[in-house]
């Protein structure tokens, strides 16, 4: 039976997150408008000759190369801080979750633990991975490797996919803990806990 945890956000963090999301949307909208204007300018100025057609294809290829990395990897890295004071004599949950690297199929995340119960802190890490999967628009996430950095913070390599039947060793290739039990978790399964 899965333990359920109630994570309440402080109003200031919610406001900051909302403003950050709005800024991300604005940045994407600017890129889309820039791309559309560039394509339309290329189409209006392309002459009908064979040389002009080649020039048109080259310019369209440049447009695609400029847009694709921004669309796929240009999203802001995910970061969250949680500070819930102790209630009723228990431990307060004080943690920070930071995505430090984003790659096409996986992310490297760092978790700074200050205090909290084992169940609450574990669920906080799962929630961070769940948020990144949602941000990427993918259905499943999986912990591939865990280690400690020089400051003692937990670091995870987390994979993301739309198909839970893929073989993690071939899909995510190298740098996977051979002794780790690899289990895909579903974004949909955790949605009732955290969906806003």
N, C-alpha and C. Protein backbone atom coordinates (compact mmCIF):
# COMPACT_ATOMS: atom_id res chain seq x y z
N UNK A 1 0.85 -1.18 0.00
CA UNK A 1 0.00 0.00 0.00
C UNK A 1 0.89 1.24 0.00
N UNK A 2 0.60 2.17 -0.89
CA UNK A 2 1.44 3.34 -1.04
C UNK A 2 1.07 4.39 -0.02
N UNK A 3 2.08 4.92 0.65
CA UNK A 3 1.83 5.98 1.62
C UNK A 3 1.52 7.27 0.88
N UNK A 4 0.56 8.02 1.40
CA UNK A 4 0.24 9.30 0.78
C UNK A 4 0.76 10.40 1.67
N UNK A 5 1.32 11.41 1.06
CA UNK A 5 1.87 12.54 1.80
C UNK A 5 1.19 13.81 1.33
N UNK A 6 0.97 14.71 2.24
CA UNK A 6 0.38 16.00 1.88
C UNK A 6 1.48 17.04 1.84
N UNK A 7 1.76 17.56 0.64
CA UNK A 7 2.79 18.58 0.47
C UNK A 7 2.10 19.91 0.23
N UNK A 8 2.11 20.78 1.21
CA UNK A 8 1.50 22.10 1.05
C UNK A 8 2.57 23.08 0.63
N UNK A 9 2.25 23.89 -0.38
CA UNK A 9 3.21 24.89 -0.86
C UNK A 9 3.02 26.20 -0.11
N UNK A 10 4.12 26.86 0.16
CA UNK A 10 4.03 28.19 0.73
C UNK A 10 3.57 29.13 -0.37
N UNK A 11 2.74 30.11 -0.07
CA UNK A 11 2.23 31.01 -1.10
C UNK A 11 3.33 31.68 -1.91
N UNK A 12 4.43 32.07 -1.26
CA UNK A 12 5.49 32.76 -1.98
C UNK A 12 6.10 31.85 -3.05
N UNK A 13 6.32 30.56 -2.72
CA UNK A 13 6.88 29.61 -3.70
C UNK A 13 5.92 29.41 -4.85
N UNK A 14 4.62 29.32 -4.55
CA UNK A 14 3.62 29.12 -5.60
C UNK A 14 3.62 30.31 -6.55
N UNK A 15 3.73 31.51 -5.99
CA UNK A 15 3.75 32.71 -6.82
C UNK A 15 4.98 32.73 -7.71
N UNK A 16 6.13 32.38 -7.12
CA UNK A 16 7.36 32.36 -7.90
C UNK A 16 7.27 31.31 -9.01
N UNK A 17 6.75 30.11 -8.67
CA UNK A 17 6.61 29.05 -9.68
C UNK A 17 5.71 29.51 -10.82
N UNK A 18 4.58 30.19 -10.48
CA UNK A 18 3.64 30.66 -11.50
C UNK A 18 4.32 31.68 -12.41
N UNK A 19 5.07 32.63 -11.80
CA UNK A 19 5.77 33.62 -12.61
C UNK A 19 6.82 32.97 -13.49
N UNK A 20 7.53 31.97 -12.95
CA UNK A 20 8.54 31.26 -13.74
C UNK A 20 7.92 30.54 -14.92
N UNK A 21 6.76 29.90 -14.69
CA UNK A 21 6.06 29.19 -15.77
C UNK A 21 5.61 30.17 -16.84
N UNK A 22 5.11 31.35 -16.43
CA UNK A 22 4.68 32.37 -17.38
C UNK A 22 5.85 32.84 -18.22
N UNK A 23 7.02 33.02 -17.57
CA UNK A 23 8.20 33.46 -18.30
C UNK A 23 8.63 32.42 -19.32
N UNK A 24 8.55 31.12 -18.94
CA UNK A 24 8.90 30.05 -19.88
C UNK A 24 7.97 30.08 -21.08
N UNK A 25 6.67 30.24 -20.83
CA UNK A 25 5.69 30.29 -21.93
C UNK A 25 5.97 31.46 -22.84
N UNK A 26 6.30 32.64 -22.26
CA UNK A 26 6.61 33.81 -23.06
C UNK A 26 7.84 33.57 -23.94
N UNK A 27 8.87 32.91 -23.36
CA UNK A 27 10.09 32.63 -24.13
C UNK A 27 9.80 31.71 -25.30
N UNK A 28 8.97 30.70 -25.08
CA UNK A 28 8.60 29.78 -26.17
C UNK A 28 7.81 30.52 -27.24
N UNK A 29 6.88 31.39 -26.81
CA UNK A 29 6.07 32.15 -27.77
C UNK A 29 6.96 33.04 -28.64
N UNK A 30 7.98 33.66 -28.02
CA UNK A 30 8.90 34.50 -28.79
C UNK A 30 9.63 33.67 -29.82
N UNK A 31 10.09 32.47 -29.44
CA UNK A 31 10.79 31.60 -30.38
C UNK A 31 9.89 31.19 -31.54
N UNK A 32 8.63 30.86 -31.23
CA UNK A 32 7.68 30.45 -32.28
C UNK A 32 7.45 31.59 -33.26
N UNK A 33 7.24 32.82 -32.73
CA UNK A 33 7.01 33.97 -33.61
C UNK A 33 8.24 34.24 -34.48
N UNK A 34 9.44 34.18 -33.86
CA UNK A 34 10.67 34.40 -34.61
C UNK A 34 10.83 33.38 -35.74
N UNK A 35 10.57 32.11 -35.42
CA UNK A 35 10.69 31.04 -36.40
C UNK A 35 9.70 31.23 -37.55
N UNK A 36 8.43 31.58 -37.21
CA UNK A 36 7.41 31.76 -38.24
C UNK A 36 7.76 32.93 -39.16
N UNK A 37 8.27 34.03 -38.59
CA UNK A 37 8.63 35.19 -39.42
C UNK A 37 9.81 34.88 -40.33
N UNK A 38 10.79 34.15 -39.80
CA UNK A 38 11.95 33.79 -40.61
C UNK A 38 11.54 32.90 -41.77
N UNK A 39 10.68 31.90 -41.49
CA UNK A 39 10.22 31.00 -42.56
C UNK A 39 9.43 31.76 -43.61
N UNK A 40 8.56 32.68 -43.17
CA UNK A 40 7.75 33.40 -44.14
C UNK A 40 8.61 34.34 -44.98
N UNK A 41 9.66 34.93 -44.36
CA UNK A 41 10.56 35.79 -45.13
C UNK A 41 11.33 34.99 -46.17
N UNK A 42 11.77 33.79 -45.80
CA UNK A 42 12.49 32.93 -46.75
C UNK A 42 11.59 32.55 -47.90
N UNK A 43 10.32 32.21 -47.61
CA UNK A 43 9.40 31.77 -48.66
C UNK A 43 9.06 32.92 -49.60
N UNK A 44 8.96 34.14 -49.08
CA UNK A 44 8.60 35.29 -49.94
C UNK A 44 9.75 35.67 -50.86
N UNK A 45 11.00 35.44 -50.40
CA UNK A 45 12.15 35.91 -51.17
C UNK A 45 12.80 34.83 -52.02
N UNK A 46 12.28 33.60 -51.99
CA UNK A 46 12.92 32.52 -52.74
C UNK A 46 12.57 32.62 -54.21
N UNK A 47 13.54 32.84 -55.11
CA UNK A 47 13.24 32.90 -56.55
C UNK A 47 12.91 31.52 -57.09
N UNK A 48 12.38 31.50 -58.32
CA UNK A 48 11.93 30.23 -58.91
C UNK A 48 13.02 29.43 -59.58
N UNK A 49 14.26 29.92 -59.67
CA UNK A 49 15.33 29.18 -60.34
C UNK A 49 15.82 28.00 -59.50
N UNK A 50 16.60 27.11 -60.12
CA UNK A 50 17.13 25.95 -59.41
C UNK A 50 18.07 26.39 -58.28
N UNK A 51 18.91 27.41 -58.57
CA UNK A 51 19.82 27.92 -57.53
C UNK A 51 19.03 28.52 -56.38
N UNK A 52 17.95 29.23 -56.73
CA UNK A 52 17.10 29.82 -55.70
C UNK A 52 16.43 28.74 -54.86
N UNK A 53 16.02 27.63 -55.48
CA UNK A 53 15.39 26.53 -54.75
C UNK A 53 16.36 25.90 -53.77
N UNK A 54 17.62 25.73 -54.22
CA UNK A 54 18.64 25.17 -53.33
C UNK A 54 18.88 26.10 -52.14
N UNK A 55 18.96 27.41 -52.44
CA UNK A 55 19.15 28.39 -51.37
C UNK A 55 17.99 28.33 -50.38
N UNK A 56 16.79 28.19 -50.91
CA UNK A 56 15.58 28.09 -50.07
C UNK A 56 15.67 26.87 -49.15
N UNK A 57 16.09 25.71 -49.70
CA UNK A 57 16.22 24.49 -48.89
C UNK A 57 17.29 24.64 -47.81
N UNK A 58 18.40 25.27 -48.16
CA UNK A 58 19.46 25.49 -47.18
C UNK A 58 18.96 26.37 -46.03
N UNK A 59 18.27 27.45 -46.38
CA UNK A 59 17.76 28.35 -45.34
C UNK A 59 16.72 27.67 -44.46
N UNK A 60 15.88 26.82 -45.05
CA UNK A 60 14.89 26.09 -44.26
C UNK A 60 15.59 25.11 -43.32
N UNK A 61 16.66 24.47 -43.78
CA UNK A 61 17.42 23.54 -42.93
C UNK A 61 18.04 24.30 -41.76
N UNK A 62 18.56 25.51 -42.02
CA UNK A 62 19.14 26.32 -40.94
C UNK A 62 18.06 26.70 -39.93
N UNK A 63 16.87 27.07 -40.43
CA UNK A 63 15.75 27.40 -39.53
C UNK A 63 15.43 26.22 -38.62
N UNK A 64 15.36 25.01 -39.21
CA UNK A 64 15.03 23.82 -38.44
C UNK A 64 16.10 23.53 -37.40
N UNK A 65 17.37 23.67 -37.77
CA UNK A 65 18.47 23.40 -36.83
C UNK A 65 18.48 24.41 -35.69
N UNK A 66 18.11 25.65 -35.96
CA UNK A 66 18.06 26.65 -34.90
C UNK A 66 16.88 26.42 -33.97
N UNK A 67 15.76 25.95 -34.52
CA UNK A 67 14.55 25.80 -33.71
C UNK A 67 14.56 24.51 -32.89
N UNK A 68 15.01 23.39 -33.49
CA UNK A 68 14.86 22.08 -32.84
C UNK A 68 15.52 22.00 -31.48
N UNK A 69 16.83 22.38 -31.33
CA UNK A 69 17.43 22.29 -29.99
C UNK A 69 16.72 23.17 -28.98
N UNK A 70 16.25 24.35 -29.40
CA UNK A 70 15.55 25.23 -28.47
C UNK A 70 14.24 24.61 -28.02
N UNK A 71 13.55 23.93 -28.93
CA UNK A 71 12.26 23.32 -28.58
C UNK A 71 12.44 22.11 -27.68
N UNK A 72 13.48 21.28 -27.96
CA UNK A 72 13.64 20.03 -27.22
C UNK A 72 14.37 20.22 -25.90
N UNK A 73 15.48 20.96 -25.93
CA UNK A 73 16.32 21.07 -24.74
C UNK A 73 16.35 22.46 -24.11
N UNK A 74 15.58 23.40 -24.67
CA UNK A 74 15.65 24.77 -24.21
C UNK A 74 14.80 25.07 -22.99
N UNK A 75 14.08 24.10 -22.46
CA UNK A 75 13.24 24.36 -21.29
C UNK A 75 14.10 24.66 -20.08
N UNK A 76 13.57 25.47 -19.18
CA UNK A 76 14.28 25.80 -17.95
C UNK A 76 14.40 24.56 -17.08
N UNK A 77 15.57 24.35 -16.49
CA UNK A 77 15.77 23.22 -15.60
C UNK A 77 14.88 23.36 -14.37
N UNK A 78 14.38 22.22 -13.90
CA UNK A 78 13.44 22.22 -12.78
C UNK A 78 14.18 22.38 -11.45
N UNK A 79 13.60 23.18 -10.55
CA UNK A 79 14.16 23.36 -9.21
C UNK A 79 13.02 23.58 -8.23
N UNK A 80 13.14 22.98 -7.04
CA UNK A 80 12.11 23.16 -6.03
C UNK A 80 12.73 23.13 -4.64
N UNK A 81 12.24 24.00 -3.78
CA UNK A 81 12.64 24.01 -2.37
C UNK A 81 11.41 23.76 -1.53
N UNK A 82 11.58 22.96 -0.49
CA UNK A 82 10.44 22.67 0.39
C UNK A 82 10.88 22.88 1.82
N UNK A 83 10.08 23.65 2.57
CA UNK A 83 10.39 23.93 3.97
C UNK A 83 9.10 23.88 4.77
N UNK A 84 8.79 22.70 5.28
CA UNK A 84 7.58 22.51 6.09
C UNK A 84 8.02 22.34 7.53
N UNK A 85 7.69 23.30 8.40
CA UNK A 85 8.10 23.18 9.82
C UNK A 85 7.50 21.94 10.47
N UNK A 86 8.15 21.49 11.53
CA UNK A 86 7.64 20.31 12.24
C UNK A 86 6.28 20.62 12.86
N UNK A 87 5.41 19.63 12.84
CA UNK A 87 4.07 19.79 13.40
C UNK A 87 3.81 18.65 14.37
N UNK A 88 3.43 18.98 15.59
CA UNK A 88 3.13 17.94 16.57
C UNK A 88 4.34 17.18 17.06
N UNK A 89 5.51 17.80 17.06
CA UNK A 89 6.70 17.15 17.60
C UNK A 89 7.48 16.31 16.61
N UNK A 90 6.97 16.13 15.38
CA UNK A 90 7.69 15.34 14.37
C UNK A 90 8.75 16.18 13.68
N UNK A 91 9.46 15.55 12.74
CA UNK A 91 10.49 16.25 12.00
C UNK A 91 9.86 17.12 10.92
N UNK A 92 10.39 18.32 10.75
CA UNK A 92 9.98 19.15 9.63
C UNK A 92 10.67 18.66 8.36
N UNK A 93 10.05 18.90 7.22
CA UNK A 93 10.63 18.48 5.95
C UNK A 93 11.30 19.69 5.30
N UNK A 94 12.63 19.66 5.23
CA UNK A 94 13.40 20.75 4.64
C UNK A 94 14.35 20.12 3.61
N UNK A 95 14.04 20.34 2.32
CA UNK A 95 14.83 19.73 1.25
C UNK A 95 14.85 20.65 0.03
N UNK A 96 15.85 20.42 -0.82
CA UNK A 96 15.95 21.13 -2.10
C UNK A 96 16.20 20.11 -3.20
N UNK A 97 15.45 20.23 -4.30
CA UNK A 97 15.57 19.33 -5.45
C UNK A 97 15.98 20.19 -6.65
N UNK A 98 17.12 19.87 -7.27
CA UNK A 98 17.63 20.67 -8.38
C UNK A 98 18.01 19.77 -9.56
N UNK A 99 17.45 20.07 -10.73
CA UNK A 99 17.87 19.39 -11.96
C UNK A 99 19.11 20.14 -12.46
N UNK A 100 20.26 19.48 -12.44
CA UNK A 100 21.51 20.16 -12.80
C UNK A 100 21.90 19.95 -14.26
N UNK A 101 21.42 18.86 -14.89
CA UNK A 101 21.69 18.61 -16.31
C UNK A 101 20.45 18.00 -16.93
N UNK A 102 20.17 18.39 -18.19
CA UNK A 102 19.07 17.77 -18.93
C UNK A 102 19.59 17.28 -20.27
N UNK A 103 19.38 16.00 -20.53
CA UNK A 103 19.76 15.35 -21.78
C UNK A 103 18.50 14.81 -22.44
N UNK A 104 18.56 14.41 -23.71
CA UNK A 104 17.33 13.98 -24.39
C UNK A 104 16.57 12.86 -23.68
N UNK A 105 17.25 11.89 -23.06
CA UNK A 105 16.56 10.75 -22.45
C UNK A 105 16.71 10.67 -20.94
N UNK A 106 17.51 11.53 -20.34
CA UNK A 106 17.69 11.47 -18.89
C UNK A 106 18.09 12.83 -18.34
N UNK A 107 17.98 12.97 -17.02
CA UNK A 107 18.42 14.18 -16.31
C UNK A 107 19.28 13.76 -15.13
N UNK A 108 20.18 14.66 -14.73
CA UNK A 108 20.94 14.49 -13.50
C UNK A 108 20.34 15.46 -12.48
N UNK A 109 19.93 14.93 -11.33
CA UNK A 109 19.31 15.77 -10.30
C UNK A 109 20.09 15.66 -9.00
N UNK A 110 20.09 16.77 -8.25
CA UNK A 110 20.77 16.80 -6.95
C UNK A 110 19.73 17.10 -5.88
N UNK A 111 19.78 16.35 -4.79
CA UNK A 111 18.83 16.53 -3.70
C UNK A 111 19.61 16.87 -2.43
N UNK A 112 19.34 18.05 -1.88
CA UNK A 112 19.95 18.47 -0.62
C UNK A 112 18.96 18.20 0.50
N UNK A 113 19.36 17.36 1.45
CA UNK A 113 18.50 16.96 2.56
C UNK A 113 18.95 17.68 3.83
N UNK A 114 18.01 18.37 4.48
CA UNK A 114 18.30 19.01 5.76
C UNK A 114 17.62 18.24 6.88
N UNK A 115 16.31 17.99 6.74
CA UNK A 115 15.60 17.19 7.73
C UNK A 115 14.31 16.67 7.11
N UNK A 116 13.76 15.63 7.76
CA UNK A 116 12.50 15.06 7.28
C UNK A 116 12.45 13.57 7.52
N UNK A 117 11.25 13.02 7.50
CA UNK A 117 11.08 11.58 7.68
C UNK A 117 11.53 10.86 6.42
N UNK A 118 11.80 9.56 6.55
CA UNK A 118 12.27 8.78 5.40
C UNK A 118 11.20 8.71 4.31
N UNK A 119 9.93 8.52 4.71
CA UNK A 119 8.84 8.42 3.72
C UNK A 119 8.63 9.77 3.05
N UNK A 120 8.56 10.84 3.85
CA UNK A 120 8.33 12.17 3.29
C UNK A 120 9.44 12.59 2.34
N UNK A 121 10.70 12.33 2.71
CA UNK A 121 11.82 12.73 1.85
C UNK A 121 11.86 11.90 0.58
N UNK A 122 11.54 10.61 0.67
CA UNK A 122 11.51 9.76 -0.53
C UNK A 122 10.41 10.23 -1.49
N UNK A 123 9.24 10.57 -0.95
CA UNK A 123 8.14 11.04 -1.79
C UNK A 123 8.47 12.39 -2.41
N UNK A 124 9.24 13.21 -1.72
CA UNK A 124 9.64 14.50 -2.28
C UNK A 124 10.54 14.30 -3.50
N UNK A 125 11.44 13.33 -3.44
CA UNK A 125 12.31 13.03 -4.58
C UNK A 125 11.48 12.50 -5.75
N UNK A 126 10.53 11.61 -5.45
CA UNK A 126 9.66 11.07 -6.52
C UNK A 126 8.87 12.21 -7.16
N UNK A 127 8.38 13.14 -6.34
CA UNK A 127 7.61 14.26 -6.88
C UNK A 127 8.45 15.11 -7.82
N UNK A 128 9.72 15.36 -7.47
CA UNK A 128 10.59 16.13 -8.35
C UNK A 128 10.79 15.46 -9.70
N UNK A 129 11.02 14.13 -9.68
CA UNK A 129 11.19 13.37 -10.93
C UNK A 129 9.89 13.39 -11.73
N UNK A 130 8.76 13.29 -11.04
CA UNK A 130 7.43 13.33 -11.68
C UNK A 130 7.21 14.68 -12.37
N UNK A 131 7.63 15.76 -11.71
CA UNK A 131 7.47 17.10 -12.29
C UNK A 131 8.30 17.24 -13.57
N UNK A 132 9.53 16.71 -13.57
CA UNK A 132 10.37 16.79 -14.77
C UNK A 132 9.76 15.97 -15.90
N UNK A 133 9.24 14.78 -15.58
CA UNK A 133 8.58 13.96 -16.61
C UNK A 133 7.41 14.70 -17.23
N UNK A 134 6.60 15.37 -16.39
CA UNK A 134 5.48 16.17 -16.90
C UNK A 134 5.97 17.31 -17.76
N UNK A 135 7.04 17.98 -17.33
CA UNK A 135 7.61 19.09 -18.09
C UNK A 135 8.08 18.62 -19.46
N UNK A 136 8.63 17.40 -19.51
CA UNK A 136 9.10 16.83 -20.77
C UNK A 136 7.96 16.28 -21.63
N UNK A 137 6.79 16.06 -21.03
CA UNK A 137 5.66 15.49 -21.76
C UNK A 137 5.78 13.99 -21.96
N UNK A 138 6.47 13.29 -21.01
CA UNK A 138 6.67 11.85 -21.13
C UNK A 138 5.92 11.12 -20.01
N UNK A 139 5.61 9.84 -20.26
CA UNK A 139 4.71 9.08 -19.39
C UNK A 139 5.39 8.35 -18.23
N UNK A 140 6.68 8.03 -18.36
CA UNK A 140 7.34 7.20 -17.34
C UNK A 140 8.70 7.78 -16.96
N UNK A 141 9.10 7.51 -15.72
CA UNK A 141 10.43 7.91 -15.26
C UNK A 141 11.02 6.77 -14.43
N UNK A 142 12.37 6.75 -14.36
CA UNK A 142 13.06 5.63 -13.72
C UNK A 142 14.39 6.11 -13.14
N UNK A 143 14.72 5.66 -11.93
CA UNK A 143 16.01 5.98 -11.32
C UNK A 143 17.04 4.98 -11.84
N UNK A 144 18.08 5.49 -12.50
CA UNK A 144 19.09 4.63 -13.14
C UNK A 144 20.35 4.48 -12.30
N UNK A 145 20.66 5.49 -11.49
CA UNK A 145 21.90 5.45 -10.70
C UNK A 145 21.80 6.48 -9.59
N UNK A 146 22.42 6.18 -8.44
CA UNK A 146 22.44 7.10 -7.30
C UNK A 146 23.87 7.17 -6.76
N UNK A 147 24.29 8.35 -6.34
CA UNK A 147 25.60 8.51 -5.69
C UNK A 147 25.58 9.78 -4.85
N UNK A 148 26.68 10.05 -4.16
CA UNK A 148 26.82 11.25 -3.32
C UNK A 148 27.86 12.17 -3.93
N UNK A 149 27.60 13.48 -3.89
CA UNK A 149 28.61 14.42 -4.37
C UNK A 149 29.59 14.74 -3.23
N UNK A 150 30.52 15.63 -3.48
CA UNK A 150 31.56 15.93 -2.50
C UNK A 150 31.01 16.59 -1.24
N UNK A 151 29.80 17.20 -1.34
CA UNK A 151 29.18 17.85 -0.18
C UNK A 151 28.22 16.92 0.56
N UNK A 152 28.11 15.68 0.09
CA UNK A 152 27.22 14.72 0.74
C UNK A 152 25.79 14.74 0.25
N UNK A 153 25.48 15.53 -0.78
CA UNK A 153 24.13 15.56 -1.34
C UNK A 153 23.88 14.34 -2.21
N UNK A 154 22.64 13.88 -2.23
CA UNK A 154 22.27 12.75 -3.08
C UNK A 154 22.16 13.22 -4.52
N UNK A 155 22.72 12.45 -5.45
CA UNK A 155 22.65 12.76 -6.88
C UNK A 155 22.05 11.55 -7.58
N UNK A 156 21.11 11.80 -8.50
CA UNK A 156 20.42 10.73 -9.22
C UNK A 156 20.52 10.94 -10.72
N UNK A 157 20.67 9.85 -11.45
CA UNK A 157 20.48 9.87 -12.89
C UNK A 157 19.10 9.29 -13.13
N UNK A 158 18.18 10.11 -13.67
CA UNK A 158 16.78 9.73 -13.84
C UNK A 158 16.46 9.68 -15.32
N UNK A 159 15.93 8.54 -15.79
CA UNK A 159 15.57 8.38 -17.19
C UNK A 159 14.09 8.65 -17.42
N UNK A 160 13.74 8.99 -18.67
CA UNK A 160 12.36 9.30 -19.04
C UNK A 160 12.02 8.64 -20.37
N UNK A 161 10.80 8.10 -20.47
CA UNK A 161 10.38 7.40 -21.70
C UNK A 161 8.86 7.41 -21.80
N UNK A 162 8.36 7.10 -22.99
CA UNK A 162 6.92 6.97 -23.20
C UNK A 162 6.49 5.51 -23.21
N UNK A 163 7.45 4.59 -23.11
CA UNK A 163 7.15 3.16 -23.16
C UNK A 163 7.88 2.47 -22.01
N UNK A 164 7.13 1.85 -21.09
CA UNK A 164 7.76 1.22 -19.92
C UNK A 164 8.35 -0.15 -20.26
N UNK A 165 8.13 -0.66 -21.47
CA UNK A 165 8.64 -1.98 -21.83
C UNK A 165 10.05 -1.90 -22.45
N UNK A 166 10.59 -0.69 -22.64
CA UNK A 166 11.94 -0.60 -23.21
C UNK A 166 12.96 -1.17 -22.22
N UNK A 167 14.06 -1.70 -22.76
CA UNK A 167 15.14 -2.20 -21.91
C UNK A 167 16.00 -1.02 -21.48
N UNK A 168 16.04 -0.70 -20.19
CA UNK A 168 16.81 0.48 -19.76
C UNK A 168 18.29 0.42 -20.15
N UNK A 169 18.87 -0.78 -20.19
CA UNK A 169 20.30 -0.90 -20.50
C UNK A 169 20.60 -0.53 -21.94
N UNK A 170 19.65 -0.74 -22.85
CA UNK A 170 19.88 -0.35 -24.25
C UNK A 170 19.31 1.03 -24.54
N UNK A 171 18.18 1.38 -23.94
CA UNK A 171 17.54 2.66 -24.22
C UNK A 171 18.33 3.83 -23.64
N UNK A 172 18.84 3.66 -22.42
CA UNK A 172 19.59 4.74 -21.77
C UNK A 172 21.10 4.54 -21.89
N UNK A 173 21.52 3.45 -22.51
CA UNK A 173 22.91 3.14 -22.82
C UNK A 173 23.79 3.04 -21.58
N UNK A 174 24.75 3.94 -21.42
CA UNK A 174 25.80 3.75 -20.41
C UNK A 174 25.47 4.39 -19.07
N UNK A 175 26.34 4.12 -18.10
CA UNK A 175 26.31 4.74 -16.78
C UNK A 175 25.03 4.41 -16.01
N UNK A 176 24.74 3.12 -15.93
CA UNK A 176 23.60 2.63 -15.14
C UNK A 176 24.14 1.70 -14.07
N UNK A 177 23.61 1.81 -12.86
CA UNK A 177 24.04 0.96 -11.75
C UNK A 177 23.63 -0.49 -12.03
N UNK A 178 24.60 -1.41 -12.21
CA UNK A 178 24.25 -2.80 -12.54
C UNK A 178 23.55 -3.53 -11.39
N UNK A 179 23.69 -3.04 -10.16
CA UNK A 179 23.07 -3.70 -9.00
C UNK A 179 21.71 -3.12 -8.62
N UNK A 180 21.27 -2.10 -9.38
CA UNK A 180 20.02 -1.41 -9.03
C UNK A 180 18.83 -2.10 -9.69
N UNK A 181 17.74 -2.24 -8.93
CA UNK A 181 16.49 -2.75 -9.50
C UNK A 181 15.84 -1.62 -10.29
N UNK A 182 15.71 -1.81 -11.59
CA UNK A 182 15.22 -0.75 -12.47
C UNK A 182 13.72 -0.90 -12.68
N UNK A 183 12.95 0.04 -12.13
CA UNK A 183 11.48 -0.01 -12.22
C UNK A 183 10.97 1.33 -12.74
N UNK A 184 10.20 1.30 -13.82
CA UNK A 184 9.58 2.51 -14.33
C UNK A 184 8.40 2.91 -13.45
N UNK A 185 8.28 4.20 -13.15
CA UNK A 185 7.14 4.74 -12.42
C UNK A 185 6.31 5.56 -13.40
N UNK A 186 4.99 5.56 -13.20
CA UNK A 186 4.07 6.19 -14.13
C UNK A 186 3.65 7.57 -13.65
N UNK A 187 3.70 8.53 -14.56
CA UNK A 187 3.22 9.88 -14.26
C UNK A 187 1.74 9.84 -13.90
N UNK A 188 0.98 9.04 -14.61
CA UNK A 188 -0.46 8.96 -14.39
C UNK A 188 -0.78 8.40 -13.00
N UNK A 189 0.00 7.43 -12.54
CA UNK A 189 -0.26 6.83 -11.22
C UNK A 189 -0.10 7.82 -10.08
N UNK A 190 0.84 8.76 -10.23
CA UNK A 190 1.10 9.73 -9.16
C UNK A 190 0.30 11.02 -9.30
N UNK A 191 -0.38 11.18 -10.42
CA UNK A 191 -1.13 12.42 -10.66
C UNK A 191 -2.15 12.73 -9.55
N UNK A 192 -2.89 11.75 -8.99
CA UNK A 192 -3.84 12.11 -7.92
C UNK A 192 -3.19 12.74 -6.69
N UNK A 193 -1.91 12.47 -6.45
CA UNK A 193 -1.23 13.06 -5.29
C UNK A 193 -0.88 14.52 -5.49
N UNK A 194 -0.43 14.87 -6.72
CA UNK A 194 0.18 16.19 -6.90
C UNK A 194 -0.41 17.02 -8.03
N UNK A 195 -1.33 16.48 -8.79
CA UNK A 195 -1.84 17.25 -9.93
C UNK A 195 -2.55 18.50 -9.45
N UNK A 196 -2.18 19.65 -10.08
CA UNK A 196 -2.77 20.93 -9.67
C UNK A 196 -3.81 21.36 -10.67
